[in-house]
């Protein structure tokens, strides 16, 4: 199989990990494969993206952000 025959697999620049226990709970944010900080709210994710020159138009777009262990509304451990 050639490369052109392979389906496109999205690799978003932003990855937000599952909620980590803490006071308050947080999620680790990675940009381009590097850990850039912790997020306690969706605003923290947007601020981290902006610091790296990334404008996020749609937090639900899997080509933009990969949410692990929840979505943009998940900010407490399950």
PDB file of N, CA and C in Angstrom:
ATOM      1  N   UNK A   1       0.845  -1.159   0.000  1.00  0.00           N
ATOM      2  CA  UNK A   1       0.000   0.000   0.000  1.00  0.00           C
ATOM      3  C   UNK A   1       0.904   1.240   0.000  1.00  0.00           C
ATOM      4  N   UNK A   2       0.509   2.205  -0.779  1.00  0.00           N
ATOM      5  CA  UNK A   2       1.285   3.443  -0.846  1.00  0.00           C
ATOM      6  C   UNK A   2       0.770   4.436   0.178  1.00  0.00           C
ATOM      7  N   UNK A   3       1.582   5.453   0.422  1.00  0.00           N
ATOM      8  CA  UNK A   3       1.175   6.485   1.376  1.00  0.00           C
ATOM      9  C   UNK A   3      -0.110   7.173   0.953  1.00  0.00           C
ATOM     10  N   UNK A   4      -0.255   7.417  -0.326  1.00  0.00           N
ATOM     11  CA  UNK A   4      -1.443   8.112  -0.802  1.00  0.00           C
ATOM     12  C   UNK A   4      -2.706   7.271  -0.637  1.00  0.00           C
ATOM     13  N   UNK A   5      -2.556   5.955  -0.479  1.00  0.00           N
ATOM     14  CA  UNK A   5      -3.713   5.089  -0.303  1.00  0.00           C
ATOM     15  C   UNK A   5      -4.147   5.013   1.163  1.00  0.00           C
ATOM     16  N   UNK A   6      -3.306   5.499   2.077  1.00  0.00           N
ATOM     17  CA  UNK A   6      -3.637   5.472   3.499  1.00  0.00           C
ATOM     18  C   UNK A   6      -4.602   6.608   3.830  1.00  0.00           C
ATOM     19  N   UNK A   7      -5.559   6.333   4.685  1.00  0.00           N
ATOM     20  CA  UNK A   7      -6.465   7.414   5.087  1.00  0.00           C
ATOM     21  C   UNK A   7      -5.722   8.437   5.947  1.00  0.00           C
ATOM     22  N   UNK A   8      -6.210   9.666   5.915  1.00  0.00           N
ATOM     23  CA  UNK A   8      -5.608  10.730   6.731  1.00  0.00           C
ATOM     24  C   UNK A   8      -5.928  10.483   8.198  1.00  0.00           C
ATOM     25  N   UNK A   9      -4.889  10.465   9.021  1.00  0.00           N
ATOM     26  CA  UNK A   9      -5.074  10.322  10.454  1.00  0.00           C
ATOM     27  C   UNK A   9      -4.686  11.646  11.089  1.00  0.00           C
ATOM     28  N   UNK A  10      -5.636  12.244  11.764  1.00  0.00           N
ATOM     29  CA  UNK A  10      -5.434  13.558  12.370  1.00  0.00           C
ATOM     30  C   UNK A  10      -4.437  13.491  13.515  1.00  0.00           C
ATOM     31  N   UNK A  11      -3.532  14.434  13.534  1.00  0.00           N
ATOM     32  CA  UNK A  11      -2.593  14.593  14.636  1.00  0.00           C
ATOM     33  C   UNK A  11      -2.684  16.041  15.099  1.00  0.00           C
ATOM     34  N   UNK A  12      -3.641  16.347  15.968  1.00  0.00           N
ATOM     35  CA  UNK A  12      -3.817  17.742  16.385  1.00  0.00           C
ATOM     36  C   UNK A  12      -2.596  18.252  17.133  1.00  0.00           C
ATOM     37  N   UNK A  13      -2.369  19.561  17.064  1.00  0.00           N
ATOM     38  CA  UNK A  13      -1.225  20.175  17.735  1.00  0.00           C
ATOM     39  C   UNK A  13      -1.415  20.224  19.242  1.00  0.00           C
ATOM     40  N   UNK A  14      -2.678  20.255  19.691  1.00  0.00           N
ATOM     41  CA  UNK A  14      -2.975  20.396  21.115  1.00  0.00           C
ATOM     42  C   UNK A  14      -3.546  19.091  21.648  1.00  0.00           C
ATOM     43  N   UNK A  15      -3.004  18.634  22.777  1.00  0.00           N
ATOM     44  CA  UNK A  15      -3.506  17.424  23.441  1.00  0.00           C
ATOM     45  C   UNK A  15      -3.739  17.773  24.904  1.00  0.00           C
ATOM     46  N   UNK A  16      -4.933  17.462  25.402  1.00  0.00           N
ATOM     47  CA  UNK A  16      -5.283  17.725  26.789  1.00  0.00           C
ATOM     48  C   UNK A  16      -5.520  16.371  27.462  1.00  0.00           C
ATOM     49  N   UNK A  17      -4.708  16.062  28.485  1.00  0.00           N
ATOM     50  CA  UNK A  17      -4.779  14.753  29.143  1.00  0.00           C
ATOM     51  C   UNK A  17      -6.014  14.623  30.029  1.00  0.00           C
ATOM     52  N   UNK A  18      -6.191  13.426  30.543  1.00  0.00           N
ATOM     53  CA  UNK A  18      -7.302  13.175  31.466  1.00  0.00           C
ATOM     54  C   UNK A  18      -7.082  13.964  32.750  1.00  0.00           C
ATOM     55  N   UNK A  19      -8.130  14.141  33.516  1.00  0.00           N
ATOM     56  CA  UNK A  19      -8.077  14.915  34.754  1.00  0.00           C
ATOM     57  C   UNK A  19      -7.175  14.214  35.766  1.00  0.00           C
ATOM     58  N   UNK A  20      -6.281  15.003  36.357  1.00  0.00           N
ATOM     59  CA  UNK A  20      -5.378  14.516  37.398  1.00  0.00           C
ATOM     60  C   UNK A  20      -5.920  14.979  38.753  1.00  0.00           C
ATOM     61  N   UNK A  21      -5.853  14.109  39.768  1.00  0.00           N
ATOM     62  CA  UNK A  21      -6.330  14.532  41.080  1.00  0.00           C
ATOM     63  C   UNK A  21      -5.424  15.622  41.636  1.00  0.00           C
ATOM     64  N   UNK A  22      -5.995  16.553  42.296  1.00  0.00           N
ATOM     65  CA  UNK A  22      -5.255  17.655  42.903  1.00  0.00           C
ATOM     66  C   UNK A  22      -6.239  18.599  43.551  1.00  0.00           C
ATOM     67  N   UNK A  23      -5.722  19.641  44.128  1.00  0.00           N
ATOM     68  CA  UNK A  23      -6.594  20.623  44.754  1.00  0.00           C
ATOM     69  C   UNK A  23      -6.245  21.998  44.203  1.00  0.00           C
ATOM     70  N   UNK A  24      -6.860  22.427  43.131  1.00  0.00           N
ATOM     71  CA  UNK A  24      -7.951  21.787  42.384  1.00  0.00           C
ATOM     72  C   UNK A  24      -7.415  20.783  41.358  1.00  0.00           C
ATOM     73  N   UNK A  25      -8.296  19.914  40.832  1.00  0.00           N
ATOM     74  CA  UNK A  25      -7.896  18.974  39.778  1.00  0.00           C
ATOM     75  C   UNK A  25      -7.404  19.745  38.547  1.00  0.00           C
ATOM     76  N   UNK A  26      -6.584  19.099  37.743  1.00  0.00           N
ATOM     77  CA  UNK A  26      -6.026  19.753  36.560  1.00  0.00           C
ATOM     78  C   UNK A  26      -5.839  18.748  35.435  1.00  0.00           C
ATOM     79  N   UNK A  27      -5.580  19.267  34.246  1.00  0.00           N
ATOM     80  CA  UNK A  27      -5.271  18.441  33.080  1.00  0.00           C
ATOM     81  C   UNK A  27      -3.970  18.963  32.485  1.00  0.00           C
ATOM     82  N   UNK A  28      -3.119  18.076  32.053  1.00  0.00           N
ATOM     83  CA  UNK A  28      -1.845  18.451  31.449  1.00  0.00           C
ATOM     84  C   UNK A  28      -2.082  18.794  29.981  1.00  0.00           C
ATOM     85  N   UNK A  29      -1.492  19.892  29.546  1.00  0.00           N
ATOM     86  CA  UNK A  29      -1.633  20.350  28.165  1.00  0.00           C
ATOM     87  C   UNK A  29      -0.321  20.146  27.433  1.00  0.00           C
ATOM     88  N   UNK A  30      -0.402  19.522  26.263  1.00  0.00           N
ATOM     89  CA  UNK A  30       0.756  19.349  25.391  1.00  0.00           C
ATOM     90  C   UNK A  30       0.490  20.075  24.083  1.00  0.00           C
ATOM     91  N   UNK A  31       1.519  20.707  23.567  1.00  0.00           N
ATOM     92  CA  UNK A  31       1.443  21.331  22.244  1.00  0.00           C
ATOM     93  C   UNK A  31       2.622  20.835  21.439  1.00  0.00           C
ATOM     94  N   UNK A  32       2.331  20.324  20.260  1.00  0.00           N
ATOM     95  CA  UNK A  32       3.347  19.750  19.378  1.00  0.00           C
ATOM     96  C   UNK A  32       4.192  18.699  20.094  1.00  0.00           C
ATOM     97  N   UNK A  33       3.536  17.922  20.981  1.00  0.00           N
ATOM     98  CA  UNK A  33       4.200  16.816  21.658  1.00  0.00           C
ATOM     99  C   UNK A  33       4.987  17.193  22.901  1.00  0.00           C
ATOM    100  N   UNK A  34       4.993  18.462  23.271  1.00  0.00           N
ATOM    101  CA  UNK A  34       5.727  18.899  24.464  1.00  0.00           C
ATOM    102  C   UNK A  34       4.754  19.391  25.528  1.00  0.00           C
ATOM    103  N   UNK A  35       5.007  19.001  26.771  1.00  0.00           N
ATOM    104  CA  UNK A  35       4.182  19.476  27.882  1.00  0.00           C
ATOM    105  C   UNK A  35       4.441  20.966  28.055  1.00  0.00           C
ATOM    106  N   UNK A  36       3.345  21.749  28.051  1.00  0.00           N
ATOM    107  CA  UNK A  36       3.487  23.203  28.190  1.00  0.00           C
ATOM    108  C   UNK A  36       2.874  23.732  29.481  1.00  0.00           C
ATOM    109  N   UNK A  37       2.124  22.882  30.194  1.00  0.00           N
ATOM    110  CA  UNK A  37       1.565  23.344  31.447  1.00  0.00           C
ATOM    111  C   UNK A  37       0.352  22.564  31.882  1.00  0.00           C
ATOM    112  N   UNK A  38      -0.278  23.104  32.918  1.00  0.00           N
ATOM    113  CA  UNK A  38      -1.480  22.507  33.482  1.00  0.00           C
ATOM    114  C   UNK A  38      -2.664  23.424  33.209  1.00  0.00           C
ATOM    115  N   UNK A  39      -3.814  22.805  33.009  1.00  0.00           N
ATOM    116  CA  UNK A  39      -5.051  23.581  32.803  1.00  0.00           C
ATOM    117  C   UNK A  39      -6.052  23.172  33.861  1.00  0.00           C
ATOM    118  N   UNK A  40      -6.682  24.162  34.436  1.00  0.00           N
ATOM    119  CA  UNK A  40      -7.747  23.923  35.400  1.00  0.00           C
ATOM    120  C   UNK A  40      -9.105  24.291  34.833  1.00  0.00           C
ATOM    121  N   UNK A  41      -9.075  24.999  33.687  1.00  0.00           N
ATOM    122  CA  UNK A  41     -10.302  25.390  32.985  1.00  0.00           C
ATOM    123  C   UNK A  41     -10.011  25.388  31.488  1.00  0.00           C
ATOM    124  N   UNK A  42     -11.064  25.456  30.703  1.00  0.00           N
ATOM    125  CA  UNK A  42     -10.903  25.514  29.256  1.00  0.00           C
ATOM    126  C   UNK A  42     -10.183  26.806  28.849  1.00  0.00           C
ATOM    127  N   UNK A  43     -10.340  27.849  29.638  1.00  0.00           N
ATOM    128  CA  UNK A  43      -9.647  29.109  29.353  1.00  0.00           C
ATOM    129  C   UNK A  43      -8.134  28.914  29.411  1.00  0.00           C
ATOM    130  N   UNK A  44      -7.660  28.079  30.350  1.00  0.00           N
ATOM    131  CA  UNK A  44      -6.227  27.798  30.436  1.00  0.00           C
ATOM    132  C   UNK A  44      -5.717  27.129  29.164  1.00  0.00           C
ATOM    133  N   UNK A  45      -6.526  26.255  28.586  1.00  0.00           N
ATOM    134  CA  UNK A  45      -6.148  25.586  27.334  1.00  0.00           C
ATOM    135  C   UNK A  45      -6.034  26.620  26.214  1.00  0.00           C
ATOM    136  N   UNK A  46      -7.003  27.509  26.125  1.00  0.00           N
ATOM    137  CA  UNK A  46      -6.981  28.542  25.089  1.00  0.00           C
ATOM    138  C   UNK A  46      -5.797  29.489  25.268  1.00  0.00           C
ATOM    139  N   UNK A  47      -5.476  29.835  26.508  1.00  0.00           N
ATOM    140  CA  UNK A  47      -4.337  30.709  26.770  1.00  0.00           C
ATOM    141  C   UNK A  47      -3.016  30.034  26.401  1.00  0.00           C
ATOM    142  N   UNK A  48      -2.893  28.736  26.681  1.00  0.00           N
ATOM    143  CA  UNK A  48      -1.682  28.003  26.303  1.00  0.00           C
ATOM    144  C   UNK A  48      -1.539  27.967  24.786  1.00  0.00           C
ATOM    145  N   UNK A  49      -2.635  27.710  24.097  1.00  0.00           N
ATOM    146  CA  UNK A  49      -2.611  27.688  22.632  1.00  0.00           C
ATOM    147  C   UNK A  49      -2.185  29.049  22.086  1.00  0.00           C
ATOM    148  N   UNK A  50      -2.763  30.116  22.619  1.00  0.00           N
ATOM    149  CA  UNK A  50      -2.436  31.468  22.158  1.00  0.00           C
ATOM    150  C   UNK A  50      -0.965  31.790  22.386  1.00  0.00           C
ATOM    151  N   UNK A  51      -0.410  31.318  23.498  1.00  0.00           N
ATOM    152  CA  UNK A  51       1.010  31.567  23.791  1.00  0.00           C
ATOM    153  C   UNK A  51       1.923  30.939  22.743  1.00  0.00           C
ATOM    154  N   UNK A  52       1.424  29.899  22.066  1.00  0.00           N
ATOM    155  CA  UNK A  52       2.195  29.235  21.018  1.00  0.00           C
ATOM    156  C   UNK A  52       1.726  29.638  19.621  1.00  0.00           C
ATOM    157  N   UNK A  53       0.931  30.704  19.562  1.00  0.00           N
ATOM    158  CA  UNK A  53       0.495  31.228  18.274  1.00  0.00           C
ATOM    159  C   UNK A  53      -0.599  30.432  17.601  1.00  0.00           C
ATOM    160  N   UNK A  54      -1.319  29.629  18.384  1.00  0.00           N
ATOM    161  CA  UNK A  54      -2.398  28.809  17.831  1.00  0.00           C
ATOM    162  C   UNK A  54      -3.732  29.457  18.161  1.00  0.00           C
ATOM    163  N   UNK A  55      -4.514  29.738  17.145  1.00  0.00           N
ATOM    164  CA  UNK A  55      -5.862  30.250  17.339  1.00  0.00           C
ATOM    165  C   UNK A  55      -6.824  29.076  17.248  1.00  0.00           C
ATOM    166  N   UNK A  56      -7.602  28.875  18.290  1.00  0.00           N
ATOM    167  CA  UNK A  56      -8.564  27.773  18.330  1.00  0.00           C
ATOM    168  C   UNK A  56      -9.939  28.341  18.018  1.00  0.00           C
ATOM    169  N   UNK A  57     -10.512  27.884  16.909  1.00  0.00           N
ATOM    170  CA  UNK A  57     -11.843  28.335  16.517  1.00  0.00           C
ATOM    171  C   UNK A  57     -12.934  27.391  17.016  1.00  0.00           C
ATOM    172  N   UNK A  58     -12.582  26.112  17.192  1.00  0.00           N
ATOM    173  CA  UNK A  58     -13.577  25.117  17.578  1.00  0.00           C
ATOM    174  C   UNK A  58     -12.921  24.085  18.488  1.00  0.00           C
ATOM    175  N   UNK A  59     -13.231  24.124  19.781  1.00  0.00           N
ATOM    176  CA  UNK A  59     -12.652  23.177  20.733  1.00  0.00           C
ATOM    177  C   UNK A  59     -13.148  21.750  20.528  1.00  0.00           C
ATOM    178  N   UNK A  60     -14.208  21.577  19.742  1.00  0.00           N
ATOM    179  CA  UNK A  60     -14.738  20.244  19.463  1.00  0.00           C
ATOM    180  C   UNK A  60     -14.160  19.639  18.187  1.00  0.00           C
ATOM    181  N   UNK A  61     -13.302  20.366  17.488  1.00  0.00           N
ATOM    182  CA  UNK A  61     -12.705  19.873  16.246  1.00  0.00           C
ATOM    183  C   UNK A  61     -11.537  18.947  16.577  1.00  0.00           C
ATOM    184  N   UNK A  62     -11.651  17.636  16.269  1.00  0.00           N
ATOM    185  CA  UNK A  62     -10.575  16.706  16.603  1.00  0.00           C
ATOM    186  C   UNK A  62      -9.280  16.963  15.826  1.00  0.00           C
ATOM    187  N   UNK A  63      -9.333  17.760  14.764  1.00  0.00           N
ATOM    188  CA  UNK A  63      -8.110  18.133  14.060  1.00  0.00           C
ATOM    189  C   UNK A  63      -7.373  19.257  14.780  1.00  0.00           C
ATOM    190  N   UNK A  64      -8.029  19.878  15.756  1.00  0.00           N
ATOM    191  CA  UNK A  64      -7.435  20.992  16.501  1.00  0.00           C
ATOM    192  C   UNK A  64      -6.992  20.574  17.893  1.00  0.00           C
ATOM    193  N   UNK A  65      -7.901  19.917  18.640  1.00  0.00           N
ATOM    194  CA  UNK A  65      -7.623  19.538  20.029  1.00  0.00           C
ATOM    195  C   UNK A  65      -7.998  18.083  20.242  1.00  0.00           C
ATOM    196  N   UNK A  66      -7.115  17.335  20.903  1.00  0.00           N
ATOM    197  CA  UNK A  66      -7.451  15.968  21.303  1.00  0.00           C
ATOM    198  C   UNK A  66      -7.668  15.976  22.803  1.00  0.00           C
ATOM    199  N   UNK A  67      -8.906  15.674  23.208  1.00  0.00           N
ATOM    200  CA  UNK A  67      -9.273  15.600  24.617  1.00  0.00           C
ATOM    201  C   UNK A  67      -9.180  14.146  25.040  1.00  0.00           C
ATOM    202  N   UNK A  68      -8.371  13.831  26.045  1.00  0.00           N
ATOM    203  CA  UNK A  68      -8.186  12.464  26.526  1.00  0.00           C
ATOM    204  C   UNK A  68      -8.928  12.311  27.849  1.00  0.00           C
ATOM    205  N   UNK A  69      -9.761  11.293  27.937  1.00  0.00           N
ATOM    206  CA  UNK A  69     -10.459  11.029  29.195  1.00  0.00           C
ATOM    207  C   UNK A  69     -11.571  12.007  29.506  1.00  0.00           C
ATOM    208  N   UNK A  70     -12.182  12.555  28.497  1.00  0.00           N
ATOM    209  CA  UNK A  70     -13.270  13.497  28.696  1.00  0.00           C
ATOM    210  C   UNK A  70     -13.257  14.542  27.595  1.00  0.00           C
ATOM    211  N   UNK A  71     -14.054  15.580  27.783  1.00  0.00           N
ATOM    212  CA  UNK A  71     -14.122  16.634  26.775  1.00  0.00           C
ATOM    213  C   UNK A  71     -13.858  17.978  27.428  1.00  0.00           C
ATOM    214  N   UNK A  72     -14.206  19.034  26.740  1.00  0.00           N
ATOM    215  CA  UNK A  72     -13.930  20.376  27.254  1.00  0.00           C
ATOM    216  C   UNK A  72     -14.726  20.709  28.519  1.00  0.00           C
ATOM    217  N   UNK A  73     -15.724  19.877  28.850  1.00  0.00           N
ATOM    218  CA  UNK A  73     -16.519  20.107  30.054  1.00  0.00           C
ATOM    219  C   UNK A  73     -16.057  19.243  31.230  1.00  0.00           C
ATOM    220  N   UNK A  74     -15.056  18.400  31.045  1.00  0.00           N
ATOM    221  CA  UNK A  74     -14.601  17.466  32.069  1.00  0.00           C
ATOM    222  C   UNK A  74     -13.420  18.064  32.839  1.00  0.00           C
ATOM    223  N   UNK A  75     -13.677  18.503  34.062  1.00  0.00           N
ATOM    224  CA  UNK A  75     -12.625  19.142  34.862  1.00  0.00           C
ATOM    225  C   UNK A  75     -12.562  18.594  36.284  1.00  0.00           C
ATOM    226  N   UNK A  76     -13.211  17.463  36.540  1.00  0.00           N
ATOM    227  CA  UNK A  76     -13.091  16.821  37.839  1.00  0.00           C
ATOM    228  C   UNK A  76     -12.911  15.324  37.623  1.00  0.00           C
ATOM    229  N   UNK A  77     -12.174  14.649  38.527  1.00  0.00           N
ATOM    230  CA  UNK A  77     -11.940  13.205  38.353  1.00  0.00           C
ATOM    231  C   UNK A  77     -13.258  12.448  38.389  1.00  0.00           C
ATOM    232  N   UNK A  78     -13.279  11.363  37.675  1.00  0.00           N
ATOM    233  CA  UNK A  78     -14.486  10.532  37.644  1.00  0.00           C
ATOM    234  C   UNK A  78     -14.448   9.481  38.706  1.00  0.00           C
TER     235      UNK A  78
END
